[in-house]
């Protein structure tokens, strides 16, 4: 039993010398070219900025009379990004948005 242990220990301690080419290949794999961390950070920042802008735009749409959070989100997703877009829109375009009814369209048309 001790002899097995010693032979195993010898095999671990007396390894074949490491080939310098093998170690450089491992290093190359670790430093594989790709997107740098700066590029990833910029992409994340842009995505975050878009979500912040969309939230702000939805909040501004809620300032219109009769427009709540749900209808503001529906209007924004339908392409109405600003209050001016909503006010100047045709009645048919507004009615095509789910969550927008006739009464809301009437309130919005009074703002013209």
Protein backbone atom coordinates (compact mmCIF):
# COMPACT_ATOMS: atom_id res chain seq x y z
CA UNK A 1 0.00 0.00 0.00
CA UNK A 2 2.82 2.38 0.85
CA UNK A 3 4.62 1.43 -2.33
CA UNK A 4 1.56 2.37 -4.41
CA UNK A 5 1.40 5.69 -2.64
CA UNK A 6 5.11 6.38 -3.26
CA UNK A 7 4.90 5.41 -6.90
CA UNK A 8 1.93 7.70 -7.40
CA UNK A 9 3.75 10.51 -5.60
CA UNK A 10 6.79 10.01 -7.84
CA UNK A 11 4.64 10.14 -10.95
CA UNK A 12 3.11 13.41 -9.79
CA UNK A 13 6.40 15.00 -8.81
CA UNK A 14 8.35 13.80 -11.81
CA UNK A 15 6.25 15.05 -14.66
CA UNK A 16 7.51 15.46 -18.16
CA UNK A 17 8.94 18.92 -18.80
CA UNK A 18 6.43 21.43 -20.11
CA UNK A 19 6.86 22.25 -23.76
CA UNK A 20 7.09 26.07 -24.19
CA UNK A 21 4.95 25.89 -27.34
CA UNK A 22 2.13 24.22 -25.42
CA UNK A 23 2.04 26.94 -22.77
CA UNK A 24 1.96 29.72 -25.39
CA UNK A 25 -1.00 28.03 -27.10
CA UNK A 26 -2.89 28.10 -23.82
CA UNK A 27 -2.09 31.79 -23.41
CA UNK A 28 -3.34 32.51 -26.91
CA UNK A 29 -6.61 30.77 -26.16
CA UNK A 30 -7.05 32.88 -23.05
CA UNK A 31 -6.41 36.12 -24.92
CA UNK A 32 -8.70 35.28 -27.79
CA UNK A 33 -9.74 38.39 -29.72
CA UNK A 34 -13.34 39.41 -29.40
CA UNK A 35 -15.45 42.21 -28.08
CA UNK A 36 -13.53 44.21 -25.58
CA UNK A 37 -15.04 45.04 -22.23
CA UNK A 38 -15.35 48.68 -23.32
CA UNK A 39 -17.49 47.69 -26.30
CA UNK A 40 -19.73 45.57 -24.11
CA UNK A 41 -20.06 48.40 -21.60
CA UNK A 42 -21.02 50.86 -24.32
CA UNK A 43 -23.66 48.50 -25.68
CA UNK A 44 -25.13 48.04 -22.21
CA UNK A 45 -25.12 51.81 -21.67
CA UNK A 46 -26.99 52.39 -24.94
CA UNK A 47 -29.60 49.78 -24.08
CA UNK A 48 -30.06 51.28 -20.65
CA UNK A 49 -30.38 54.78 -22.13
CA UNK A 50 -33.09 53.56 -24.51
CA UNK A 51 -35.12 52.05 -21.69
CA UNK A 52 -34.73 55.21 -19.61
CA UNK A 53 -35.83 57.35 -22.56
CA UNK A 54 -38.84 55.15 -23.23
CA UNK A 55 -39.89 55.35 -19.58
CA UNK A 56 -39.59 59.13 -19.66
CA UNK A 57 -41.60 59.33 -22.87
CA UNK A 58 -44.33 57.12 -21.41
CA UNK A 59 -44.42 59.33 -18.30
CA UNK A 60 -44.85 62.44 -20.44
CA UNK A 61 -47.72 60.81 -22.31
CA UNK A 62 -49.52 60.33 -18.99
CA UNK A 63 -49.64 64.13 -18.64
CA UNK A 64 -52.35 64.16 -21.31
CA UNK A 65 -55.89 64.28 -19.90
CA UNK A 66 -57.47 60.82 -19.70
CA UNK A 67 -54.24 58.98 -20.47
CA UNK A 68 -53.13 56.56 -17.77
CA UNK A 69 -50.10 54.34 -17.52
CA UNK A 70 -51.56 51.50 -19.59
CA UNK A 71 -52.86 53.66 -22.41
CA UNK A 72 -49.62 55.69 -22.42
CA UNK A 73 -47.61 52.49 -22.84
CA UNK A 74 -49.94 51.32 -25.61
CA UNK A 75 -49.63 54.67 -27.40
CA UNK A 76 -45.85 54.59 -27.09
CA UNK A 77 -45.63 51.06 -28.45
CA UNK A 78 -47.89 52.09 -31.34
CA UNK A 79 -45.37 54.74 -32.37
CA UNK A 80 -46.63 57.87 -30.61
CA UNK A 81 -43.46 58.98 -28.83
CA UNK A 82 -44.42 62.53 -27.80
CA UNK A 83 -47.55 64.35 -26.69
CA UNK A 84 -47.46 66.32 -29.94
CA UNK A 85 -47.60 63.05 -31.91
CA UNK A 86 -50.73 62.04 -30.02
CA UNK A 87 -52.46 65.41 -30.33
CA UNK A 88 -51.78 65.74 -34.06
CA UNK A 89 -52.70 62.13 -34.86
CA UNK A 90 -55.78 61.21 -36.83
CA UNK A 91 -58.75 59.80 -34.88
CA UNK A 92 -58.59 56.53 -36.80
CA UNK A 93 -54.93 56.07 -35.94
CA UNK A 94 -55.64 56.59 -32.24
CA UNK A 95 -58.63 54.24 -32.25
CA UNK A 96 -56.46 51.55 -33.83
CA UNK A 97 -54.36 51.45 -30.64
CA UNK A 98 -55.58 48.85 -28.16
CA UNK A 99 -56.59 50.49 -24.89
CA UNK A 100 -57.67 53.73 -26.52
CA UNK A 101 -61.38 54.31 -26.77
CA UNK A 102 -63.73 56.86 -28.25
CA UNK A 103 -63.97 58.93 -25.06
CA UNK A 104 -60.19 59.26 -24.81
CA UNK A 105 -59.96 60.31 -28.46
CA UNK A 106 -62.61 63.00 -27.83
CA UNK A 107 -60.63 64.34 -24.87
CA UNK A 108 -57.44 64.42 -26.90
CA UNK A 109 -59.08 66.17 -29.86
CA UNK A 110 -60.28 68.98 -27.54
CA UNK A 111 -56.60 69.81 -26.97
CA UNK A 112 -56.06 70.89 -30.60
